Amino acid sequence: MPHANALYGPLDPAPDAGYVDAPPRMGFFTDTSVCIGCKACEVACKEWNLVPESGLDLLGMSYDNTGALTANSWRHVAFVEQPRTTGQEIPAFEGQPDGPSVSAATAAVGARTGSDTGTVPGLLPGSPAVAARMSAGPEFLGMPGAQPPGRGSGVEGRTDFRWLMMSDVCKHCTHAACLDVCPTGSLFRTEFGTVVVQEDICNGCGYCISACPYGVIDQRKGDGRAWKCTLCYDRLGAGMTPACAQACPTESIQYGPLDELRERAAARVVTLHERGVPEARLYGQDPNDGVGGDGAFFLLLDEPEVYGLPPDPIVTTRDLPAMWKRAGLAAVTMAAVTVVAFLGRRP
């Protein structure tokens, strides 16, 4: 009998897939606060899994040359440049959010550097520096140089900004919609709770690509089949650490039993908060989220959207039982109406 949470909610995926005496669920914890953007994980992944080369072009997105997770990039190191350190900014309308954007005029009023029109009395005082920056328009931060900021130009010419770096990967969801919609059984759940594509069975239908709430899976050009991270399933079976985690020099990518990783991640967040990093938060670790928790989760230093992650992912097959129930009810209703219509014509 299917588990009550077979499509939604907390679940241990390996036993649910039929494995008896399955080993502990294994996964990744990626601590972005110590990621240095070296891309050793990308290289190690390609070398071990024989993934074709990609990312040899400059995209104009800082030092991010792969752009996203693709069929030829199973690991993607994102470089997010931010003009100001988030924890040091003082918004012009502090405590009074005013939509997605603020004009220079209203920013000046909010910062007490302009005349109050009287339409919004009692505005809280803000920061004149913030209003000045907003009214000045876009700010050129300069091209990335070979030296750290300020070393070549001096402190006077240094611009305050930070890099947010994150090594993204397939999340190996508890409730994997890609696995649910695969018509050939190419995607399967392993005894470690991970999700793997068997490329020799994939027929290239592409259903898994549209089903993934994270946009992880991709089709390889000239091949047509779907490819993604396998969490080095062959290495796991031999008791080895996945290639990316093995190569990470700062232990930003940590591999191990998922329960232990969640405990370690929670303790790390507490430590960062104590050290004055209040924006540190976990992403994908909650078993009660829309995908039942991820097998690969992250510690982030900003909102998920900043890293290109959906803020509230939901498994796309969650509502399948209700949809089939409604479809069946509609079919029965149409059949009943048809029967009544024919019977009503009899003399």
C-alpha atoms as a PDB file:
ATOM      1  CA  MET A   1       0.000   0.000   0.000  1.00  0.00           C
ATOM      2  CA  PRO A   2       1.441   3.434  -0.910  1.00  0.00           C
ATOM      3  CA  HIS A   3       2.691   5.565   1.938  1.00  0.00           C
ATOM      4  CA  ALA A   4       0.325   8.321   3.067  1.00  0.00           C
ATOM      5  CA  ASN A   5       3.004  10.843   2.083  1.00  0.00           C
ATOM      6  CA  ALA A   6       3.915   9.146  -1.193  1.00  0.00           C
ATOM      7  CA  LEU A   7       3.459  12.380  -3.142  1.00  0.00           C
ATOM      8  CA  TYR A   8       3.799  15.075  -0.468  1.00  0.00           C
ATOM      9  CA  GLY A   9       5.192  15.490   3.046  1.00  0.00           C
ATOM     10  CA  PRO A  10       8.012  13.972   5.141  1.00  0.00           C
ATOM     11  CA  LEU A  11       9.177  10.588   3.882  1.00  0.00           C
ATOM     12  CA  ASP A  12      12.203   8.295   3.820  1.00  0.00           C
ATOM     13  CA  PRO A  13      12.410   7.771   0.037  1.00  0.00           C
ATOM     14  CA  ALA A  14      14.512   4.590  -0.147  1.00  0.00           C
ATOM     15  CA  PRO A  15      12.169   2.326   1.899  1.00  0.00           C
ATOM     16  CA  ASP A  16       9.224   3.885   0.073  1.00  0.00           C
ATOM     17  CA  ALA A  17      10.874   2.818  -3.198  1.00  0.00           C
ATOM     18  CA  GLY A  18      10.942  -0.781  -1.996  1.00  0.00           C
ATOM     19  CA  TYR A  19      14.423  -1.136  -0.526  1.00  0.00           C
ATOM     20  CA  VAL A  20      14.615  -3.434   2.504  1.00  0.00           C
ATOM     21  CA  ASP A  21      17.187  -2.557   5.174  1.00  0.00           C
ATOM     22  CA  ALA A  22      18.262   0.474   3.177  1.00  0.00           C
ATOM     23  CA  PRO A  23      21.387   2.334   4.377  1.00  0.00           C
ATOM     24  CA  PRO A  24      21.041   5.855   5.826  1.00  0.00           C
ATOM     25  CA  ARG A  25      19.978   8.476   3.321  1.00  0.00           C
ATOM     26  CA  MET A  26      23.042  10.280   1.989  1.00  0.00           C
ATOM     27  CA  GLY A  27      23.247  13.815   0.682  1.00  0.00           C
ATOM     28  CA  PHE A  28      25.075  17.124   0.311  1.00  0.00           C
ATOM     29  CA  PHE A  29      25.227  20.143   2.605  1.00  0.00           C
ATOM     30  CA  THR A  30      26.708  23.136   0.773  1.00  0.00           C
ATOM     31  CA  ASP A  31      27.880  25.946   3.062  1.00  0.00           C
ATOM     32  CA  THR A  32      28.101  28.962   0.764  1.00  0.00           C
ATOM     33  CA  SER A  33      29.712  31.085   3.498  1.00  0.00           C
ATOM     34  CA  VAL A  34      33.045  29.299   2.906  1.00  0.00           C
ATOM     35  CA  CYS A  35      32.798  28.810  -0.869  1.00  0.00           C
ATOM     36  CA  ILE A  36      35.722  30.547  -2.607  1.00  0.00           C
ATOM     37  CA  GLY A  37      34.498  29.975  -6.165  1.00  0.00           C
ATOM     38  CA  CYS A  38      37.509  27.881  -7.182  1.00  0.00           C
ATOM     39  CA  LYS A  39      35.337  25.565  -9.325  1.00  0.00           C
ATOM     40  CA  ALA A  40      37.262  22.484  -8.251  1.00  0.00           C
ATOM     41  CA  CYS A  41      33.882  20.786  -7.843  1.00  0.00           C
ATOM     42  CA  GLU A  42      32.952  21.524 -11.456  1.00  0.00           C
ATOM     43  CA  VAL A  43      36.222  20.103 -12.747  1.00  0.00           C
ATOM     44  CA  ALA A  44      36.113  17.023 -10.518  1.00  0.00           C
ATOM     45  CA  CYS A  45      32.528  16.289 -11.571  1.00  0.00           C
ATOM     46  CA  LYS A  46      33.404  16.502 -15.252  1.00  0.00           C
ATOM     47  CA  GLU A  47      36.526  14.394 -14.906  1.00  0.00           C
ATOM     48  CA  TRP A  48      34.960  11.586 -12.915  1.00  0.00           C
ATOM     49  CA  ASN A  49      31.657  11.394 -14.815  1.00  0.00           C
ATOM     50  CA  LEU A  50      33.178  12.117 -18.253  1.00  0.00           C
ATOM     51  CA  VAL A  51      30.849  15.083 -18.736  1.00  0.00           C
ATOM     52  CA  PRO A  52      31.577  16.964 -21.987  1.00  0.00           C
ATOM     53  CA  GLU A  53      33.329  20.311 -21.793  1.00  0.00           C
ATOM     54  CA  SER A  54      31.257  23.476 -21.483  1.00  0.00           C
ATOM     55  CA  GLY A  55      31.506  26.957 -20.050  1.00  0.00           C
ATOM     56  CA  LEU A  56      34.470  28.051 -22.145  1.00  0.00           C
ATOM     57  CA  ASP A  57      32.826  31.382 -23.035  1.00  0.00           C
ATOM     58  CA  LEU A  58      32.744  34.589 -20.994  1.00  0.00           C
ATOM     59  CA  LEU A  59      29.124  35.349 -20.169  1.00  0.00           C
ATOM     60  CA  GLY A  60      29.640  38.825 -18.736  1.00  0.00           C
ATOM     61  CA  MET A  61      28.329  37.597 -15.384  1.00  0.00           C
ATOM     62  CA  SER A  62      31.395  38.157 -13.182  1.00  0.00           C
ATOM     63  CA  TYR A  63      33.489  34.965 -13.178  1.00  0.00           C
ATOM     64  CA  ASP A  64      30.499  32.706 -13.833  1.00  0.00           C
ATOM     65  CA  ASN A  65      31.315  30.979 -17.108  1.00  0.00           C
ATOM     66  CA  THR A  66      28.850  28.056 -17.012  1.00  0.00           C
ATOM     67  CA  GLY A  67      25.731  30.136 -16.325  1.00  0.00           C
ATOM     68  CA  ALA A  68      23.442  27.399 -15.001  1.00  0.00           C
ATOM     69  CA  LEU A  69      23.025  23.693 -14.435  1.00  0.00           C
ATOM     70  CA  THR A  70      22.850  21.973 -17.811  1.00  0.00           C
ATOM     71  CA  ALA A  71      23.287  18.536 -19.337  1.00  0.00           C
ATOM     72  CA  ASN A  72      27.010  19.347 -19.591  1.00  0.00           C
ATOM     73  CA  SER A  73      27.355  21.158 -16.243  1.00  0.00           C
ATOM     74  CA  TRP A  74      26.173  18.996 -13.355  1.00  0.00           C
ATOM     75  CA  ARG A  75      27.772  21.405 -10.903  1.00  0.00           C
ATOM     76  CA  HIS A  76      27.442  25.160 -11.366  1.00  0.00           C
ATOM     77  CA  VAL A  77      29.399  27.686  -9.312  1.00  0.00           C
ATOM     78  CA  ALA A  78      27.443  30.929  -9.268  1.00  0.00           C
ATOM     79  CA  PHE A  79      29.147  34.296  -8.711  1.00  0.00           C
ATOM     80  CA  VAL A  80      26.696  36.932  -7.492  1.00  0.00           C
ATOM     81  CA  GLU A  81      28.135  40.437  -7.151  1.00  0.00           C
ATOM     82  CA  GLN A  82      26.378  42.778  -4.744  1.00  0.00           C
ATOM     83  CA  PRO A  83      27.233  46.514  -4.639  1.00  0.00           C
ATOM     84  CA  ARG A  84      26.867  46.805  -0.862  1.00  0.00           C
ATOM     85  CA  THR A  85      27.128  44.319   1.959  1.00  0.00           C
ATOM     86  CA  THR A  86      23.507  43.487   2.817  1.00  0.00           C
ATOM     87  CA  GLY A  87      24.032  43.730   6.573  1.00  0.00           C
ATOM     88  CA  GLN A  88      25.385  47.304   6.279  1.00  0.00           C
ATOM     89  CA  GLU A  89      22.726  48.880   4.060  1.00  0.00           C
ATOM     90  CA  ILE A  90      20.183  51.394   5.394  1.00  0.00           C
ATOM     91  CA  PRO A  91      17.165  51.556   3.054  1.00  0.00           C
ATOM     92  CA  ALA A  92      15.687  54.940   2.295  1.00  0.00           C
ATOM     93  CA  PHE A  93      12.343  53.745   3.667  1.00  0.00           C
ATOM     94  CA  GLU A  94      13.626  51.691   6.578  1.00  0.00           C
ATOM     95  CA  GLY A  95      10.730  49.790   8.134  1.00  0.00           C
ATOM     96  CA  GLN A  96       8.341  50.961   5.403  1.00  0.00           C
ATOM     97  CA  PRO A  97       8.654  48.774   2.280  1.00  0.00           C
ATOM     98  CA  ASP A  98       7.349  50.644  -0.736  1.00  0.00           C
ATOM     99  CA  GLY A  99       7.140  48.074  -3.496  1.00  0.00           C
ATOM    100  CA  PRO A 100       9.852  46.691  -5.740  1.00  0.00           C
ATOM    101  CA  SER A 101      11.344  50.038  -6.709  1.00  0.00           C
ATOM    102  CA  VAL A 102      11.632  53.585  -5.341  1.00  0.00           C
ATOM    103  CA  SER A 103      12.010  56.676  -7.458  1.00  0.00           C
ATOM    104  CA  ALA A 104      14.744  59.211  -6.795  1.00  0.00           C
ATOM    105  CA  ALA A 105      12.178  61.814  -5.739  1.00  0.00           C
ATOM    106  CA  THR A 106      10.454  59.650  -3.149  1.00  0.00           C
ATOM    107  CA  ALA A 107      13.819  58.392  -1.920  1.00  0.00           C
ATOM    108  CA  ALA A 108      14.943  61.960  -1.322  1.00  0.00           C
ATOM    109  CA  VAL A 109      11.761  62.701   0.643  1.00  0.00           C
ATOM    110  CA  GLY A 110      12.156  59.546   2.716  1.00  0.00           C
ATOM    111  CA  ALA A 111      15.767  60.428   3.515  1.00  0.00           C
ATOM    112  CA  ARG A 112      14.883  64.016   4.494  1.00  0.00           C
ATOM    113  CA  THR A 113      16.970  65.408   1.656  1.00  0.00           C
ATOM    114  CA  GLY A 114      14.000  66.692  -0.333  1.00  0.00           C
ATOM    115  CA  SER A 115      10.832  68.665   0.276  1.00  0.00           C
ATOM    116  CA  ASP A 116       7.926  66.778   1.766  1.00  0.00           C
ATOM    117  CA  THR A 117       4.893  67.111  -0.488  1.00  0.00           C
ATOM    118  CA  GLY A 118       2.562  66.529   2.423  1.00  0.00           C
ATOM    119  CA  THR A 119       0.922  63.536   0.787  1.00  0.00           C
ATOM    120  CA  VAL A 120       2.726  61.071   3.046  1.00  0.00           C
ATOM    121  CA  PRO A 121       3.310  62.878   6.340  1.00  0.00           C
ATOM    122  CA  GLY A 122       5.397  61.432   9.133  1.00  0.00           C
ATOM    123  CA  LEU A 123       7.982  59.605   7.020  1.00  0.00           C
ATOM    124  CA  LEU A 124      10.704  58.002   9.087  1.00  0.00           C
ATOM    125  CA  PRO A 125      14.146  59.570   8.652  1.00  0.00           C
ATOM    126  CA  GLY A 126      16.409  57.546   6.430  1.00  0.00           C
ATOM    127  CA  SER A 127      19.973  57.925   5.202  1.00  0.00           C
ATOM    128  CA  PRO A 128      20.972  60.862   2.958  1.00  0.00           C
ATOM    129  CA  ALA A 129      23.767  58.707   1.549  1.00  0.00           C
ATOM    130  CA  VAL A 130      21.272  56.089   0.389  1.00  0.00           C
ATOM    131  CA  ALA A 131      19.080  58.716  -1.256  1.00  0.00           C
ATOM    132  CA  ALA A 132      22.072  60.236  -2.980  1.00  0.00           C
ATOM    133  CA  ARG A 133      23.121  56.900  -4.429  1.00  0.00           C
ATOM    134  CA  MET A 134      19.574  56.145  -5.599  1.00  0.00           C
ATOM    135  CA  SER A 135      19.125  59.542  -7.245  1.00  0.00           C
ATOM    136  CA  ALA A 136      22.472  59.234  -9.019  1.00  0.00           C
ATOM    137  CA  GLY A 137      21.291  56.276 -11.064  1.00  0.00           C
ATOM    138  CA  PRO A 138      23.296  53.155 -11.942  1.00  0.00           C
ATOM    139  CA  GLU A 139      26.735  52.881 -10.373  1.00  0.00           C
ATOM    140  CA  PHE A 140      29.689  51.434 -12.291  1.00  0.00           C
ATOM    141  CA  LEU A 141      31.627  48.997 -10.107  1.00  0.00           C
ATOM    142  CA  GLY A 142      34.449  48.448 -12.551  1.00  0.00           C
ATOM    143  CA  MET A 143      35.568  45.353 -14.347  1.00  0.00           C
ATOM    144  CA  PRO A 144      36.873  42.470 -12.235  1.00  0.00           C
ATOM    145  CA  GLY A 145      40.627  42.863 -11.878  1.00  0.00           C
ATOM    146  CA  ALA A 146      43.496  40.535 -11.200  1.00  0.00           C
ATOM    147  CA  GLN A 147      43.978  41.971  -7.699  1.00  0.00           C
ATOM    148  CA  PRO A 148      41.617  42.122  -4.718  1.00  0.00           C
ATOM    149  CA  PRO A 149      39.448  45.297  -4.512  1.00  0.00           C
ATOM    150  CA  GLY A 150      41.448  48.278  -3.284  1.00  0.00           C
ATOM    151  CA  ARG A 151      44.904  46.704  -3.593  1.00  0.00           C
ATOM    152  CA  GLY A 152      45.618  48.197  -6.994  1.00  0.00           C
ATOM    153  CA  SER A 153      43.742  51.490  -6.646  1.00  0.00           C
ATOM    154  CA  GLY A 154      44.125  52.143  -2.938  1.00  0.00           C
ATOM    155  CA  VAL A 155      41.494  52.489  -0.245  1.00  0.00           C
ATOM    156  CA  GLU A 156      40.209  55.775  -1.679  1.00  0.00           C
ATOM    157  CA  GLY A 157      39.183  54.184  -4.951  1.00  0.00           C
ATOM    158  CA  ARG A 158      37.759  50.995  -3.494  1.00  0.00           C
ATOM    159  CA  THR A 159      34.094  50.184  -4.061  1.00  0.00           C
ATOM    160  CA  ASP A 160      32.272  48.264  -1.386  1.00  0.00           C
ATOM    161  CA  PHE A 161      30.741  45.066  -2.738  1.00  0.00           C
ATOM    162  CA  ARG A 162      30.767  41.365  -2.026  1.00  0.00           C
ATOM    163  CA  TRP A 163      30.629  38.131  -3.935  1.00  0.00           C
ATOM    164  CA  LEU A 164      28.106  35.485  -3.037  1.00  0.00           C
ATOM    165  CA  MET A 165      29.364  32.160  -4.354  1.00  0.00           C
ATOM    166  CA  MET A 166      27.423  28.925  -4.422  1.00  0.00           C
ATOM    167  CA  SER A 167      28.033  25.548  -5.993  1.00  0.00           C
ATOM    168  CA  ASP A 168      24.598  24.502  -7.210  1.00  0.00           C
ATOM    169  CA  VAL A 169      23.627  20.903  -7.960  1.00  0.00           C
ATOM    170  CA  CYS A 170      20.615  18.614  -8.362  1.00  0.00           C
ATOM    171  CA  LYS A 171      18.622  18.620  -5.122  1.00  0.00           C
ATOM    172  CA  HIS A 172      17.756  14.887  -5.109  1.00  0.00           C
ATOM    173  CA  CYS A 173      14.305  15.744  -3.765  1.00  0.00           C
ATOM    174  CA  THR A 174      12.409  13.553  -1.340  1.00  0.00           C
ATOM    175  CA  HIS A 175       9.453  13.844  -3.698  1.00  0.00           C
ATOM    176  CA  ALA A 176      11.066  13.902  -7.132  1.00  0.00           C
ATOM    177  CA  ALA A 177       8.586  14.928  -9.800  1.00  0.00           C
ATOM    178  CA  CYS A 178      11.076  13.970 -12.504  1.00  0.00           C
ATOM    179  CA  LEU A 179      10.973  10.384 -11.259  1.00  0.00           C
ATOM    180  CA  ASP A 180       7.165  10.409 -11.064  1.00  0.00           C
ATOM    181  CA  VAL A 181       6.658  11.441 -14.706  1.00  0.00           C
ATOM    182  CA  CYS A 182       9.369   9.334 -16.372  1.00  0.00           C
ATOM    183  CA  PRO A 183       7.553   6.878 -18.699  1.00  0.00           C
ATOM    184  CA  THR A 184      10.478   4.499 -19.276  1.00  0.00           C
ATOM    185  CA  GLY A 185      11.855   4.032 -15.768  1.00  0.00           C
ATOM    186  CA  SER A 186      15.070   5.746 -16.788  1.00  0.00           C
ATOM    187  CA  LEU A 187      14.960   7.751 -13.574  1.00  0.00           C
ATOM    188  CA  PHE A 188      15.109   5.635 -10.450  1.00  0.00           C
ATOM    189  CA  ARG A 189      15.547   6.008  -6.699  1.00  0.00           C
ATOM    190  CA  THR A 190      18.721   4.473  -5.295  1.00  0.00           C
ATOM    191  CA  GLU A 191      19.151   2.743  -1.945  1.00  0.00           C
ATOM    192  CA  PHE A 192      20.874   5.944  -0.712  1.00  0.00           C
ATOM    193  CA  GLY A 193      17.757   8.027  -1.416  1.00  0.00           C
ATOM    194  CA  THR A 194      19.273   9.771  -4.431  1.00  0.00           C
ATOM    195  CA  VAL A 195      17.753  10.079  -7.926  1.00  0.00           C
ATOM    196  CA  VAL A 196      19.745   8.816 -10.915  1.00  0.00           C
ATOM    197  CA  VAL A 197      19.190   8.863 -14.690  1.00  0.00           C
ATOM    198  CA  GLN A 198      19.950   5.685 -16.648  1.00  0.00           C
ATOM    199  CA  GLU A 199      20.981   7.219 -19.948  1.00  0.00           C
ATOM    200  CA  ASP A 200      20.729   3.938 -21.836  1.00  0.00           C
ATOM    201  CA  ILE A 201      16.985   3.770 -21.084  1.00  0.00           C
ATOM    202  CA  CYS A 202      16.103   7.452 -21.529  1.00  0.00           C
ATOM    203  CA  ASN A 203      14.069   8.073 -24.691  1.00  0.00           C
ATOM    204  CA  GLY A 204      14.445  11.857 -24.646  1.00  0.00           C
ATOM    205  CA  CYS A 205      10.760  12.623 -24.066  1.00  0.00           C
ATOM    206  CA  GLY A 206      11.644  15.629 -21.867  1.00  0.00           C
ATOM    207  CA  TYR A 207       8.837  15.138 -19.329  1.00  0.00           C
ATOM    208  CA  CYS A 208      11.317  15.250 -16.451  1.00  0.00           C
ATOM    209  CA  ILE A 209      12.655  18.613 -17.578  1.00  0.00           C
ATOM    210  CA  SER A 210       9.323  20.396 -17.277  1.00  0.00           C
ATOM    211  CA  ALA A 211       8.471  18.518 -14.068  1.00  0.00           C
ATOM    212  CA  CYS A 212      11.543  19.612 -12.084  1.00  0.00           C
ATOM    213  CA  PRO A 213      10.668  22.580  -9.825  1.00  0.00           C
ATOM    214  CA  TYR A 214      14.329  23.677  -9.782  1.00  0.00           C
ATOM    215  CA  GLY A 215      15.021  23.513 -13.519  1.00  0.00           C
ATOM    216  CA  VAL A 216      17.940  21.149 -12.939  1.00  0.00           C
ATOM    217  CA  ILE A 217      17.526  18.490 -15.636  1.00  0.00           C
ATOM    218  CA  ASP A 218      18.515  19.283 -19.203  1.00  0.00           C
ATOM    219  CA  GLN A 219      18.746  17.562 -22.587  1.00  0.00           C
ATOM    220  CA  ARG A 220      22.091  17.299 -24.299  1.00  0.00           C
ATOM    221  CA  LYS A 221      22.224  18.780 -27.798  1.00  0.00           C
ATOM    222  CA  GLY A 222      22.817  16.191 -30.466  1.00  0.00           C
ATOM    223  CA  ASP A 223      21.907  13.489 -27.983  1.00  0.00           C
ATOM    224  CA  GLY A 224      18.362  14.311 -26.851  1.00  0.00           C
ATOM    225  CA  ARG A 225      18.655  12.399 -23.597  1.00  0.00           C
ATOM    226  CA  ALA A 226      18.320  13.889 -20.110  1.00  0.00           C
ATOM    227  CA  TRP A 227      21.387  14.270 -17.889  1.00  0.00           C
ATOM    228  CA  LYS A 228      21.997  15.495 -14.347  1.00  0.00           C
ATOM    229  CA  CYS A 229      24.013  14.889 -11.180  1.00  0.00           C
ATOM    230  CA  THR A 230      23.980  11.278  -9.956  1.00  0.00           C
ATOM    231  CA  LEU A 231      25.620  12.146  -6.623  1.00  0.00           C
ATOM    232  CA  CYS A 232      28.353   9.845  -7.939  1.00  0.00           C
ATOM    233  CA  TYR A 233      26.247   6.718  -7.433  1.00  0.00           C
ATOM    234  CA  ASP A 234      29.131   4.502  -8.523  1.00  0.00           C
ATOM    235  CA  ARG A 235      31.404   6.015  -5.872  1.00  0.00           C
ATOM    236  CA  LEU A 236      28.736   5.705  -3.161  1.00  0.00           C
ATOM    237  CA  GLY A 237      28.394   1.997  -3.837  1.00  0.00           C
ATOM    238  CA  ALA A 238      32.138   1.618  -3.275  1.00  0.00           C
ATOM    239  CA  GLY A 239      32.057   3.591  -0.021  1.00  0.00           C
ATOM    240  CA  MET A 240      33.725   6.632  -1.580  1.00  0.00           C
ATOM    241  CA  THR A 241      32.909  10.334  -1.296  1.00  0.00           C
ATOM    242  CA  PRO A 242      31.404  12.036  -4.380  1.00  0.00           C
ATOM    243  CA  ALA A 243      34.033  13.650  -6.565  1.00  0.00           C
ATOM    244  CA  CYS A 244      32.899  17.240  -6.006  1.00  0.00           C
ATOM    245  CA  ALA A 245      32.934  16.960  -2.202  1.00  0.00           C
ATOM    246  CA  GLN A 246      36.284  15.163  -2.321  1.00  0.00           C
ATOM    247  CA  ALA A 247      37.813  17.998  -4.344  1.00  0.00           C
ATOM    248  CA  CYS A 248      36.367  20.940  -2.368  1.00  0.00           C
ATOM    249  CA  PRO A 249      39.322  22.607  -0.590  1.00  0.00           C
ATOM    250  CA  THR A 250      37.249  24.519   2.008  1.00  0.00           C
ATOM    251  CA  GLU A 251      34.700  21.786   2.776  1.00  0.00           C
ATOM    252  CA  SER A 252      31.958  24.027   1.479  1.00  0.00           C
ATOM    253  CA  ILE A 253      30.481  20.853  -0.044  1.00  0.00           C
ATOM    254  CA  GLN A 254      29.966  18.310   2.717  1.00  0.00           C
ATOM    255  CA  TYR A 255      28.785  14.753   2.126  1.00  0.00           C
ATOM    256  CA  GLY A 256      27.325  12.302   4.622  1.00  0.00           C
ATOM    257  CA  PRO A 257      24.147  10.920   6.205  1.00  0.00           C
ATOM    258  CA  LEU A 258      21.424  13.496   5.676  1.00  0.00           C
ATOM    259  CA  ASP A 259      20.295  13.586   9.312  1.00  0.00           C
ATOM    260  CA  GLU A 260      23.833  14.354  10.470  1.00  0.00           C
ATOM    261  CA  LEU A 261      24.243  17.036   7.816  1.00  0.00           C
ATOM    262  CA  ARG A 262      21.042  18.756   8.946  1.00  0.00           C
ATOM    263  CA  GLU A 263      22.265  18.862  12.541  1.00  0.00           C
ATOM    264  CA  ARG A 264      25.635  20.192  11.434  1.00  0.00           C
ATOM    265  CA  ALA A 265      23.973  22.836   9.253  1.00  0.00           C
ATOM    266  CA  ALA A 266      21.705  24.051  12.066  1.00  0.00           C
ATOM    267  CA  ALA A 267      24.726  24.444  14.351  1.00  0.00           C
ATOM    268  CA  ARG A 268      26.572  26.356  11.626  1.00  0.00           C
ATOM    269  CA  VAL A 269      23.709  28.833  11.270  1.00  0.00           C
ATOM    270  CA  VAL A 270      23.736  29.463  15.021  1.00  0.00           C
ATOM    271  CA  THR A 271      27.487  30.086  14.880  1.00  0.00           C
ATOM    272  CA  LEU A 272      27.160  32.572  12.023  1.00  0.00           C
ATOM    273  CA  HIS A 273      24.373  34.434  13.816  1.00  0.00           C
ATOM    274  CA  GLU A 274      26.583  34.715  16.885  1.00  0.00           C
ATOM    275  CA  ARG A 275      29.390  36.075  14.715  1.00  0.00           C
ATOM    276  CA  GLY A 276      27.230  38.866  13.339  1.00  0.00           C
ATOM    277  CA  VAL A 277      25.861  37.293  10.161  1.00  0.00           C
ATOM    278  CA  PRO A 278      22.092  37.433  10.820  1.00  0.00           C
ATOM    279  CA  GLU A 279      21.186  36.854   7.160  1.00  0.00           C
ATOM    280  CA  ALA A 280      22.496  33.258   7.218  1.00  0.00           C
ATOM    281  CA  ARG A 281      19.681  30.770   6.622  1.00  0.00           C
ATOM    282  CA  LEU A 282      19.169  27.191   5.431  1.00  0.00           C
ATOM    283  CA  TYR A 283      17.463  26.281   2.180  1.00  0.00           C
ATOM    284  CA  GLY A 284      15.998  22.882   1.323  1.00  0.00           C
ATOM    285  CA  GLN A 285      16.571  21.222   4.705  1.00  0.00           C
ATOM    286  CA  ASP A 286      12.947  21.243   5.918  1.00  0.00           C
ATOM    287  CA  PRO A 287      11.144  17.877   5.461  1.00  0.00           C
ATOM    288  CA  ASN A 288       7.845  19.759   5.569  1.00  0.00           C
ATOM    289  CA  ASP A 289       8.528  21.991   2.579  1.00  0.00           C
ATOM    290  CA  GLY A 290       6.976  21.604  -0.855  1.00  0.00           C
ATOM    291  CA  VAL A 291       9.298  18.795  -1.951  1.00  0.00           C
ATOM    292  CA  GLY A 292       9.603  16.957   1.375  1.00  0.00           C
ATOM    293  CA  GLY A 293      13.103  18.302   1.911  1.00  0.00           C
ATOM    294  CA  ASP A 294      16.100  18.088  -0.400  1.00  0.00           C
ATOM    295  CA  GLY A 295      18.879  15.545  -0.394  1.00  0.00           C
ATOM    296  CA  ALA A 296      21.210  18.413  -1.303  1.00  0.00           C
ATOM    297  CA  PHE A 297      20.536  21.541   0.729  1.00  0.00           C
ATOM    298  CA  PHE A 298      22.335  24.848   1.272  1.00  0.00           C
ATOM    299  CA  LEU A 299      23.325  27.528   3.738  1.00  0.00           C
ATOM    300  CA  LEU A 300      22.667  30.881   2.048  1.00  0.00           C
ATOM    301  CA  LEU A 301      23.669  34.432   2.932  1.00  0.00           C
ATOM    302  CA  ASP A 302      20.777  36.109   1.126  1.00  0.00           C
ATOM    303  CA  GLU A 303      17.327  35.352  -0.255  1.00  0.00           C
ATOM    304  CA  PRO A 304      17.077  32.230  -2.449  1.00  0.00           C
ATOM    305  CA  GLU A 305      16.104  34.311  -5.470  1.00  0.00           C
ATOM    306  CA  VAL A 306      19.501  36.053  -5.344  1.00  0.00           C
ATOM    307  CA  TYR A 307      21.112  32.691  -6.085  1.00  0.00           C
ATOM    308  CA  GLY A 308      18.564  31.790  -8.765  1.00  0.00           C
ATOM    309  CA  LEU A 309      16.660  29.378  -6.510  1.00  0.00           C
ATOM    310  CA  PRO A 310      12.847  29.273  -6.227  1.00  0.00           C
ATOM    311  CA  PRO A 311      11.699  30.665  -2.855  1.00  0.00           C
ATOM    312  CA  ASP A 312       9.018  28.030  -2.285  1.00  0.00           C
ATOM    313  CA  PRO A 313       9.499  24.981  -4.538  1.00  0.00           C
ATOM    314  CA  ILE A 314       6.602  22.532  -4.737  1.00  0.00           C
ATOM    315  CA  VAL A 315       6.708  19.092  -6.326  1.00  0.00           C
ATOM    316  CA  THR A 316       4.773  19.440  -9.552  1.00  0.00           C
ATOM    317  CA  THR A 317       3.065  16.049  -9.164  1.00  0.00           C
ATOM    318  CA  ARG A 318       1.631  16.825  -5.725  1.00  0.00           C
ATOM    319  CA  ASP A 319      -1.896  17.367  -6.998  1.00  0.00           C
ATOM    320  CA  LEU A 320      -2.022  14.363  -9.349  1.00  0.00           C
ATOM    321  CA  PRO A 321      -4.473  12.310  -7.185  1.00  0.00           C
ATOM    322  CA  ALA A 322      -6.886  15.224  -6.935  1.00  0.00           C
ATOM    323  CA  MET A 323      -6.540  15.940 -10.660  1.00  0.00           C
ATOM    324  CA  TRP A 324      -7.288  12.324 -11.625  1.00  0.00           C
ATOM    325  CA  LYS A 325     -10.198  12.270  -9.207  1.00  0.00           C
ATOM    326  CA  ARG A 326     -11.690  15.382 -10.778  1.00  0.00           C
ATOM    327  CA  ALA A 327     -11.044  14.038 -14.278  1.00  0.00           C
ATOM    328  CA  GLY A 328     -12.778  10.758 -13.384  1.00  0.00           C
ATOM    329  CA  LEU A 329     -15.728  12.607 -11.877  1.00  0.00           C
ATOM    330  CA  ALA A 330     -16.009  14.752 -14.997  1.00  0.00           C
ATOM    331  CA  ALA A 331     -15.909  11.655 -17.230  1.00  0.00           C
ATOM    332  CA  VAL A 332     -18.633   9.934 -15.193  1.00  0.00           C
ATOM    333  CA  THR A 333     -20.751  13.073 -15.280  1.00  0.00           C
ATOM    334  CA  MET A 334     -20.406  13.375 -19.064  1.00  0.00           C
ATOM    335  CA  ALA A 335     -21.288   9.728 -19.533  1.00  0.00           C
ATOM    336  CA  ALA A 336     -24.357  10.105 -17.311  1.00  0.00           C
ATOM    337  CA  VAL A 337     -25.492  13.204 -19.210  1.00  0.00           C
ATOM    338  CA  THR A 338     -25.038  11.361 -22.523  1.00  0.00           C
ATOM    339  CA  VAL A 339     -27.081   8.386 -21.320  1.00  0.00           C
ATOM    340  CA  VAL A 340     -29.839  10.641 -20.031  1.00  0.00           C
ATOM    341  CA  ALA A 341     -29.875  12.545 -23.321  1.00  0.00           C
ATOM    342  CA  PHE A 342     -30.311   9.341 -25.373  1.00  0.00           C
ATOM    343  CA  LEU A 343     -32.889   7.903 -23.020  1.00  0.00           C
ATOM    344  CA  GLY A 344     -34.848  11.144 -23.103  1.00  0.00           C
ATOM    345  CA  ARG A 345     -35.326  10.804 -26.884  1.00  0.00           C
ATOM    346  CA  ARG A 346     -37.100   7.440 -26.652  1.00  0.00           C
ATOM    347  CA  PRO A 347     -40.871   7.678 -27.276  1.00  0.00           C
END
